[in-house]
Amino acid sequence: MTDDESSTENTIIVALEQLVLKDNSLNQVFDLEYGEEAERKYIGSEWIRKNTECNDEE
């Protein structure tokens, strides 16, 4: 996911299984807690986890 604005024109639904088949390292972040995010610089680099500020209004 990116910071780009989402719309139906640029949205696609994909089964999680298909994503994991393409990139098995997604299994390293399957246990993210509510309010936690993970990112990496490029495919194959190490996942970096961090807490996010939660907004109760969202």
Protein backbone atom coordinates (compact mmCIF):
# COMPACT_ATOMS: atom_id res chain seq x y z
CA MET A 1 0.00 0.00 0.00
CA THR A 2 1.12 3.53 -0.62
CA ASP A 3 0.17 7.05 0.39
CA ASP A 4 -1.49 7.52 -3.00
CA GLU A 5 -5.19 8.27 -2.93
CA SER A 6 -7.21 5.14 -3.61
CA SER A 7 -10.10 4.90 -6.02
CA THR A 8 -11.98 2.16 -7.83
CA GLU A 9 -9.96 2.93 -10.97
CA ASN A 10 -6.66 2.00 -9.31
CA THR A 11 -7.87 -0.81 -7.02
CA ILE A 12 -7.53 -4.54 -7.57
CA ILE A 13 -8.62 -7.39 -5.30
CA VAL A 14 -6.06 -10.16 -4.88
CA ALA A 15 -6.16 -13.28 -2.72
CA LEU A 16 -3.63 -13.18 0.10
CA GLU A 17 -2.45 -16.63 -0.95
CA GLN A 18 -1.42 -15.27 -4.36
CA LEU A 19 0.60 -12.46 -2.75
CA VAL A 20 2.44 -14.91 -0.49
CA LEU A 21 3.16 -17.19 -3.44
CA LYS A 22 4.84 -14.22 -5.18
CA ASP A 23 6.66 -13.00 -2.05
CA ASN A 24 7.05 -15.50 0.78
CA SER A 25 8.63 -12.85 3.05
CA LEU A 26 5.10 -11.52 3.68
CA ASN A 27 4.82 -14.35 6.19
CA GLN A 28 7.31 -12.44 8.36
CA VAL A 29 4.69 -9.76 9.06
CA PHE A 30 1.53 -11.87 9.35
CA ASP A 31 1.32 -11.15 13.08
CA LEU A 32 1.20 -7.35 12.99
CA GLU A 33 -0.73 -5.99 15.95
CA TYR A 34 -3.42 -3.32 15.71
CA GLY A 35 -1.63 0.01 15.36
CA GLU A 36 1.56 -1.56 14.02
CA GLU A 37 2.91 -1.32 10.48
CA ALA A 38 5.81 -2.80 8.57
CA GLU A 39 7.69 -1.46 5.60
CA ARG A 40 10.83 -2.19 3.65
CA LYS A 41 12.92 -0.30 1.14
CA TYR A 42 12.62 -2.92 -1.61
CA ILE A 43 11.50 -6.50 -2.16
CA GLY A 44 13.95 -8.75 -0.38
CA SER A 45 15.11 -6.18 2.15
CA GLU A 46 14.41 -6.52 5.87
CA TRP A 47 10.95 -5.60 7.18
CA ILE A 48 11.00 -2.69 9.63
CA ARG A 49 8.15 -2.70 12.14
CA LYS A 50 6.91 0.37 13.96
CA ASN A 51 3.90 1.53 15.91
CA THR A 52 1.59 4.06 14.33
CA GLU A 53 -0.49 6.69 16.02
CA CYS A 54 -4.05 5.46 16.05
CA ASN A 55 -6.84 7.89 15.39
CA ASP A 56 -10.09 6.70 17.01
CA GLU A 57 -12.12 8.66 14.46
CA GLU A 58 -10.98 6.43 11.55
